């Protein structure tokens, strides 16, 4: 294989291996999963043994990373990006 072609192929493989969407923390993914099944902020807080204000912070960061402004849009966008099963 020609060196130029090998270099191009290697670059393409690296590019495709990079995440295509936002990188969510494990906690953000957990909160997103709970939002997707319809749990409220107080319910999520109780289940995770965290303050509701902490859950609100996670939700706000999710909205920023997904570039949305509400729960339904967050779930829809996460599904579109393959972040939810």
Protein backbone atom coordinates (compact mmCIF):
# COMPACT_ATOMS: atom_id res chain seq x y z
CA UNK A 1 0.00 0.00 0.00
CA UNK A 2 1.34 3.40 -0.93
CA UNK A 3 2.48 5.51 2.06
CA UNK A 4 0.05 8.32 1.24
CA UNK A 5 -2.86 5.92 1.05
CA UNK A 6 -1.87 4.19 4.30
CA UNK A 7 -1.68 7.55 6.06
CA UNK A 8 -5.11 8.56 4.75
CA UNK A 9 -6.63 5.26 5.83
CA UNK A 10 -5.13 5.53 9.31
CA UNK A 11 -6.51 9.06 9.68
CA UNK A 12 -9.98 7.94 8.60
CA UNK A 13 -9.94 5.05 11.09
CA UNK A 14 -8.98 7.43 13.91
CA UNK A 15 -11.67 9.92 12.87
CA UNK A 16 -14.39 7.25 12.87
CA UNK A 17 -13.28 5.98 16.29
CA UNK A 18 -13.90 9.39 17.88
CA UNK A 19 -17.27 9.88 19.59
CA UNK A 20 -19.71 11.58 17.23
CA UNK A 21 -21.71 13.33 19.93
CA UNK A 22 -21.29 14.78 23.37
CA UNK A 23 -19.40 12.81 25.95
CA UNK A 24 -21.63 12.28 28.96
CA UNK A 25 -20.34 11.40 32.39
CA UNK A 26 -21.54 8.12 33.89
CA UNK A 27 -23.83 10.07 36.24
CA UNK A 28 -25.24 12.14 33.37
CA UNK A 29 -26.00 8.93 31.47
CA UNK A 30 -27.70 7.52 34.55
CA UNK A 31 -29.84 10.64 34.95
CA UNK A 32 -30.65 10.62 31.22
CA UNK A 33 -31.82 7.00 31.44
CA UNK A 34 -34.09 7.91 34.34
CA UNK A 35 -35.50 10.93 32.51
CA UNK A 36 -36.19 8.69 29.53
CA UNK A 37 -38.42 6.41 31.62
CA UNK A 38 -40.32 9.41 32.97
CA UNK A 39 -38.88 9.80 36.46
CA UNK A 40 -39.15 13.22 38.09
CA UNK A 41 -36.24 15.13 39.58
CA UNK A 42 -37.32 14.30 43.16
CA UNK A 43 -37.66 10.61 42.23
CA UNK A 44 -34.23 10.56 40.60
CA UNK A 45 -32.72 12.36 43.60
CA UNK A 46 -34.26 9.84 45.99
CA UNK A 47 -33.09 6.85 44.00
CA UNK A 48 -29.52 8.17 43.68
CA UNK A 49 -29.37 9.53 47.25
CA UNK A 50 -28.57 13.03 45.98
CA UNK A 51 -30.12 16.43 46.54
CA UNK A 52 -32.69 17.55 43.95
CA UNK A 53 -30.46 20.57 43.26
CA UNK A 54 -27.64 18.20 42.28
CA UNK A 55 -29.94 16.38 39.87
CA UNK A 56 -31.04 19.72 38.42
CA UNK A 57 -27.38 20.52 37.77
CA UNK A 58 -26.90 17.21 35.96
CA UNK A 59 -30.04 17.82 33.92
CA UNK A 60 -28.88 21.31 32.96
CA UNK A 61 -25.51 19.97 31.83
CA UNK A 62 -27.30 17.31 29.77
CA UNK A 63 -29.37 20.01 28.09
CA UNK A 64 -26.24 22.00 27.29
CA UNK A 65 -24.38 19.01 25.89
CA UNK A 66 -27.36 17.87 23.83
CA UNK A 67 -28.18 21.47 22.82
CA UNK A 68 -31.83 21.22 23.92
CA UNK A 69 -34.06 23.07 26.35
CA UNK A 70 -36.46 20.49 27.78
CA UNK A 71 -36.82 16.86 28.86
CA UNK A 72 -38.67 15.62 25.79
CA UNK A 73 -36.14 17.20 23.44
CA UNK A 74 -33.28 15.74 25.51
CA UNK A 75 -34.69 12.23 25.21
CA UNK A 76 -35.40 12.64 21.49
CA UNK A 77 -31.91 14.00 20.80
CA UNK A 78 -30.26 11.30 22.91
CA UNK A 79 -32.16 8.64 20.96
CA UNK A 80 -31.17 10.24 17.65
CA UNK A 81 -27.51 10.20 18.70
CA UNK A 82 -27.68 6.63 19.93
CA UNK A 83 -27.15 7.54 23.59
CA UNK A 84 -30.27 5.67 24.70
CA UNK A 85 -31.15 2.07 24.00
